[in-house]
N, C-alpha and C. Protein backbone atom coordinates (compact mmCIF):
# COMPACT_ATOMS: atom_id res chain seq x y z
N MET A 1 92.12 49.15 94.84
CA MET A 1 91.71 49.40 93.48
C MET A 1 92.95 49.47 92.59
N LEU A 2 92.99 48.70 91.54
CA LEU A 2 94.09 48.69 90.60
C LEU A 2 94.01 49.91 89.69
N ARG A 3 95.12 50.63 89.59
CA ARG A 3 95.22 51.76 88.68
C ARG A 3 96.55 51.67 87.95
N ASN A 4 96.71 52.42 86.87
CA ASN A 4 97.92 52.37 86.08
C ASN A 4 98.49 53.79 85.95
N LEU A 5 99.78 53.96 86.21
CA LEU A 5 100.41 55.28 86.16
C LEU A 5 100.43 55.88 84.75
N TYR A 6 100.31 55.02 83.74
CA TYR A 6 100.36 55.49 82.36
C TYR A 6 98.97 55.66 81.74
N ALA A 7 97.93 55.40 82.52
CA ALA A 7 96.56 55.52 82.01
C ALA A 7 96.04 56.94 82.21
N SER A 8 95.01 57.26 81.47
CA SER A 8 94.32 58.55 81.59
C SER A 8 95.23 59.74 81.38
N LEU A 9 96.11 59.64 80.41
CA LEU A 9 96.98 60.77 80.08
C LEU A 9 96.25 61.69 79.11
N PRO A 10 96.16 62.97 79.43
CA PRO A 10 95.44 63.90 78.56
C PRO A 10 96.20 64.14 77.25
N ASP A 11 95.45 64.39 76.16
CA ASP A 11 96.07 64.71 74.88
C ASP A 11 96.69 66.10 74.90
N LYS A 12 96.00 67.03 75.56
CA LYS A 12 96.47 68.41 75.65
C LYS A 12 96.47 68.82 77.11
N LEU A 13 97.48 69.59 77.48
CA LEU A 13 97.59 70.05 78.86
C LEU A 13 97.77 71.56 78.88
N GLU A 14 96.82 72.27 79.42
CA GLU A 14 96.96 73.72 79.59
C GLU A 14 98.01 74.01 80.65
N GLU A 15 97.99 73.20 81.72
CA GLU A 15 98.98 73.31 82.78
C GLU A 15 99.30 71.93 83.29
N GLU A 16 100.35 71.83 84.10
CA GLU A 16 100.72 70.52 84.63
C GLU A 16 99.54 69.90 85.37
N GLN A 17 99.47 68.59 85.33
CA GLN A 17 98.40 67.86 86.01
C GLN A 17 99.00 67.14 87.22
N PHE A 18 98.38 67.36 88.40
CA PHE A 18 98.82 66.73 89.64
C PHE A 18 97.71 65.79 90.10
N ASP A 19 98.02 64.51 90.26
CA ASP A 19 97.05 63.51 90.71
C ASP A 19 97.56 62.87 91.99
N GLU A 20 96.84 63.06 93.09
CA GLU A 20 97.22 62.40 94.34
C GLU A 20 96.84 60.93 94.24
N LEU A 21 97.82 60.06 94.47
CA LEU A 21 97.60 58.62 94.36
C LEU A 21 97.33 57.99 95.72
N ALA A 22 97.97 58.52 96.76
CA ALA A 22 97.79 58.00 98.11
C ALA A 22 98.33 59.03 99.09
N ALA A 23 97.78 59.02 100.31
CA ALA A 23 98.26 59.93 101.35
C ALA A 23 97.90 59.37 102.71
N GLY A 24 98.68 59.73 103.69
CA GLY A 24 98.42 59.33 105.07
C GLY A 24 99.60 59.70 105.95
N GLN A 25 99.42 59.79 107.20
CA GLN A 25 100.40 60.09 108.23
C GLN A 25 101.76 60.58 107.74
N GLY A 26 101.81 61.82 107.29
CA GLY A 26 103.07 62.45 106.91
C GLY A 26 103.63 62.06 105.57
N VAL A 27 102.83 61.42 104.72
CA VAL A 27 103.31 61.05 103.39
C VAL A 27 102.21 61.29 102.35
N ARG A 28 102.63 61.77 101.18
CA ARG A 28 101.70 61.97 100.07
C ARG A 28 102.42 61.53 98.80
N ILE A 29 101.74 60.73 97.98
CA ILE A 29 102.30 60.23 96.72
C ILE A 29 101.47 60.80 95.59
N GLU A 30 102.15 61.36 94.59
CA GLU A 30 101.41 61.94 93.47
C GLU A 30 102.08 61.65 92.14
N ARG A 31 101.24 61.64 91.13
CA ARG A 31 101.72 61.56 89.74
C ARG A 31 101.60 62.97 89.18
N ILE A 32 102.64 63.42 88.52
CA ILE A 32 102.64 64.73 87.88
C ILE A 32 102.84 64.49 86.39
N VAL A 33 102.01 65.13 85.57
CA VAL A 33 102.10 64.99 84.12
C VAL A 33 102.42 66.36 83.52
N SER A 34 103.51 66.42 82.74
CA SER A 34 103.96 67.66 82.11
C SER A 34 104.14 67.44 80.62
N ARG A 35 104.01 68.50 79.87
CA ARG A 35 104.36 68.47 78.44
C ARG A 35 104.73 69.90 78.05
N GLY A 36 106.02 70.20 78.14
CA GLY A 36 106.49 71.54 77.81
C GLY A 36 106.25 72.55 78.92
N HIS A 37 105.92 72.11 80.11
CA HIS A 37 105.65 73.03 81.21
C HIS A 37 106.91 73.33 82.01
N SER A 38 106.88 74.47 82.69
CA SER A 38 107.95 74.83 83.62
C SER A 38 107.31 75.62 84.76
N SER A 39 108.07 75.79 85.82
CA SER A 39 107.59 76.57 86.97
C SER A 39 107.53 78.05 86.58
N PRO A 40 106.72 78.83 87.26
CA PRO A 40 106.70 80.27 86.98
C PRO A 40 108.09 80.89 87.18
N GLU A 41 108.47 81.82 86.33
CA GLU A 41 109.79 82.44 86.39
C GLU A 41 110.09 83.07 87.75
N GLU A 42 109.08 83.64 88.38
CA GLU A 42 109.30 84.38 89.62
C GLU A 42 109.20 83.53 90.88
N GLY A 43 108.92 82.25 90.73
CA GLY A 43 108.68 81.46 91.93
C GLY A 43 109.55 80.23 92.07
N TRP A 44 109.76 79.82 93.30
CA TRP A 44 110.48 78.60 93.64
C TRP A 44 109.57 77.75 94.49
N TYR A 45 109.66 76.45 94.34
CA TYR A 45 109.02 75.55 95.30
C TYR A 45 109.87 75.56 96.56
N ASP A 46 109.25 75.72 97.70
CA ASP A 46 109.93 75.71 99.00
C ASP A 46 109.01 74.95 99.94
N GLN A 47 109.14 73.64 99.94
CA GLN A 47 108.18 72.75 100.60
C GLN A 47 108.63 72.38 102.01
N PRO A 48 107.66 72.22 102.94
CA PRO A 48 108.00 71.86 104.32
C PRO A 48 108.37 70.38 104.47
N GLN A 49 108.11 69.56 103.46
CA GLN A 49 108.43 68.14 103.52
C GLN A 49 109.55 67.82 102.54
N HIS A 50 110.24 66.70 102.78
CA HIS A 50 111.20 66.18 101.82
C HIS A 50 110.40 65.64 100.63
N GLU A 51 111.05 65.59 99.47
CA GLU A 51 110.39 65.05 98.29
C GLU A 51 111.35 64.12 97.55
N TRP A 52 110.90 62.89 97.32
CA TRP A 52 111.61 61.98 96.44
C TRP A 52 110.85 62.05 95.13
N VAL A 53 111.57 62.31 94.04
CA VAL A 53 110.92 62.46 92.74
C VAL A 53 111.65 61.60 91.72
N ALA A 54 110.86 60.97 90.83
CA ALA A 54 111.42 60.15 89.76
C ALA A 54 110.70 60.49 88.46
N VAL A 55 111.43 60.43 87.38
CA VAL A 55 110.83 60.58 86.05
C VAL A 55 110.64 59.17 85.50
N LEU A 56 109.39 58.84 85.19
CA LEU A 56 109.06 57.52 84.65
C LEU A 56 109.11 57.51 83.13
N GLN A 57 108.81 58.68 82.54
CA GLN A 57 108.76 58.81 81.08
C GLN A 57 109.02 60.27 80.75
N GLY A 58 109.71 60.53 79.64
CA GLY A 58 109.96 61.90 79.22
C GLY A 58 111.27 62.44 79.76
N ARG A 59 111.40 63.76 79.73
CA ARG A 59 112.63 64.43 80.17
C ARG A 59 112.25 65.77 80.79
N ALA A 60 113.09 66.21 81.73
CA ALA A 60 112.86 67.50 82.38
C ALA A 60 114.17 67.99 83.00
N VAL A 61 114.19 69.27 83.35
CA VAL A 61 115.34 69.86 84.03
C VAL A 61 114.85 70.54 85.30
N LEU A 62 115.48 70.20 86.42
CA LEU A 62 115.21 70.86 87.70
C LEU A 62 116.37 71.81 87.99
N ALA A 63 116.04 73.02 88.45
CA ALA A 63 117.05 73.99 88.87
C ALA A 63 116.87 74.23 90.36
N PHE A 64 117.98 74.51 91.02
CA PHE A 64 117.98 74.76 92.45
C PHE A 64 118.49 76.17 92.72
N ALA A 65 118.06 76.76 93.81
CA ALA A 65 118.45 78.13 94.15
C ALA A 65 119.96 78.25 94.32
N THR A 66 120.64 77.14 94.55
CA THR A 66 122.11 77.12 94.67
C THR A 66 122.80 77.34 93.34
N GLY A 67 122.04 77.27 92.23
CA GLY A 67 122.61 77.40 90.89
C GLY A 67 122.79 76.07 90.19
N GLU A 68 122.64 74.99 90.92
CA GLU A 68 122.78 73.64 90.35
C GLU A 68 121.56 73.31 89.48
N GLU A 69 121.79 72.59 88.39
CA GLU A 69 120.70 72.07 87.56
C GLU A 69 120.89 70.58 87.38
N ARG A 70 119.78 69.88 87.28
CA ARG A 70 119.80 68.43 87.06
C ARG A 70 118.86 68.08 85.93
N GLU A 71 119.37 67.41 84.90
CA GLU A 71 118.52 66.89 83.83
C GLU A 71 118.08 65.50 84.23
N LEU A 72 116.79 65.22 84.09
CA LEU A 72 116.23 63.93 84.47
C LEU A 72 115.60 63.28 83.26
N GLY A 73 115.84 61.98 83.13
CA GLY A 73 115.22 61.18 82.09
C GLY A 73 114.61 59.95 82.72
N PRO A 74 114.08 59.05 81.92
CA PRO A 74 113.41 57.86 82.45
C PRO A 74 114.29 57.09 83.42
N GLY A 75 113.76 56.86 84.60
CA GLY A 75 114.46 56.11 85.63
C GLY A 75 115.27 56.96 86.59
N ASP A 76 115.54 58.21 86.24
CA ASP A 76 116.31 59.08 87.13
C ASP A 76 115.45 59.51 88.31
N HIS A 77 116.07 59.55 89.48
CA HIS A 77 115.34 59.99 90.67
C HIS A 77 116.30 60.67 91.64
N LEU A 78 115.75 61.52 92.51
CA LEU A 78 116.55 62.20 93.51
C LEU A 78 115.68 62.62 94.68
N VAL A 79 116.34 62.95 95.79
CA VAL A 79 115.66 63.46 96.98
C VAL A 79 115.90 64.96 97.04
N ILE A 80 114.83 65.70 97.22
CA ILE A 80 114.90 67.15 97.41
C ILE A 80 114.58 67.40 98.88
N PRO A 81 115.57 67.83 99.67
CA PRO A 81 115.32 68.05 101.10
C PRO A 81 114.27 69.14 101.33
N ALA A 82 113.61 69.06 102.47
CA ALA A 82 112.64 70.09 102.85
C ALA A 82 113.30 71.47 102.76
N HIS A 83 112.56 72.43 102.27
CA HIS A 83 112.98 73.84 102.13
C HIS A 83 114.16 74.05 101.19
N CYS A 84 114.46 73.07 100.36
CA CYS A 84 115.45 73.24 99.29
C CYS A 84 114.70 73.88 98.12
N ARG A 85 114.98 75.14 97.87
CA ARG A 85 114.24 75.85 96.83
C ARG A 85 114.62 75.31 95.45
N HIS A 86 113.58 74.96 94.68
CA HIS A 86 113.80 74.35 93.36
C HIS A 86 112.65 74.71 92.43
N ARG A 87 112.87 74.49 91.16
CA ARG A 87 111.85 74.74 90.14
C ARG A 87 112.12 73.89 88.91
N VAL A 88 111.09 73.67 88.13
CA VAL A 88 111.23 72.97 86.84
C VAL A 88 111.50 74.06 85.80
N THR A 89 112.65 73.98 85.14
CA THR A 89 112.96 74.99 84.12
C THR A 89 112.59 74.55 82.71
N TRP A 90 112.38 73.21 82.54
CA TRP A 90 112.04 72.71 81.20
C TRP A 90 111.48 71.31 81.35
N SER A 91 110.46 71.03 80.56
CA SER A 91 110.02 69.65 80.35
C SER A 91 109.77 69.49 78.86
N ASP A 92 110.02 68.32 78.37
CA ASP A 92 109.99 68.04 76.94
C ASP A 92 108.65 68.41 76.32
N PRO A 93 108.63 69.32 75.36
CA PRO A 93 107.36 69.70 74.71
C PRO A 93 106.88 68.67 73.68
N GLU A 94 107.77 67.74 73.29
CA GLU A 94 107.44 66.77 72.25
C GLU A 94 106.85 65.47 72.79
N GLN A 95 106.95 65.27 74.10
CA GLN A 95 106.41 64.04 74.68
C GLN A 95 105.93 64.32 76.09
N THR A 96 105.09 63.47 76.57
CA THR A 96 104.57 63.59 77.93
C THR A 96 105.64 63.13 78.92
N THR A 97 105.85 63.96 79.94
CA THR A 97 106.75 63.59 81.03
C THR A 97 105.89 63.19 82.21
N ILE A 98 106.13 62.00 82.73
CA ILE A 98 105.39 61.49 83.88
C ILE A 98 106.36 61.41 85.05
N TRP A 99 106.01 62.11 86.13
CA TRP A 99 106.79 62.13 87.36
C TRP A 99 106.05 61.32 88.41
N LEU A 100 106.80 60.71 89.30
CA LEU A 100 106.24 60.12 90.50
C LEU A 100 106.92 60.84 91.66
N ALA A 101 106.12 61.45 92.55
CA ALA A 101 106.67 62.22 93.66
C ALA A 101 106.13 61.69 94.97
N VAL A 102 107.02 61.54 95.93
CA VAL A 102 106.65 61.13 97.27
C VAL A 102 107.10 62.23 98.23
N HIS A 103 106.14 62.87 98.89
CA HIS A 103 106.41 63.92 99.87
C HIS A 103 106.31 63.27 101.25
N TYR A 104 107.33 63.49 102.10
CA TYR A 104 107.33 62.80 103.39
C TYR A 104 108.00 63.66 104.46
N GLU A 105 107.64 63.39 105.70
CA GLU A 105 108.22 64.08 106.86
C GLU A 105 109.65 63.59 107.08
N GLY A 106 110.45 64.44 107.77
CA GLY A 106 111.85 64.14 108.05
C GLY A 106 112.04 62.94 108.88
């Protein structure tokens, strides 16, 4: 079935939108849509799988428990190793940020 990563974008977002695009044997691919969202102040993502993440549109900042921060814009991508604690500290409130994330086993 043909689908488009830029289709069906909501006008308003109460919270980030996570759409699973495909999954199977140790891999899950999702589209994440943000607009001014960030992770909860008290929490970190600490995932059992590695994650490759790319920003297709918009801007965001990822922070890591090590103190490192990375600003991401269109085309930027990185690998977040399993159990690397991270969080989104900012996403652009003026435009929709579209992420593509691939979660996979080691």
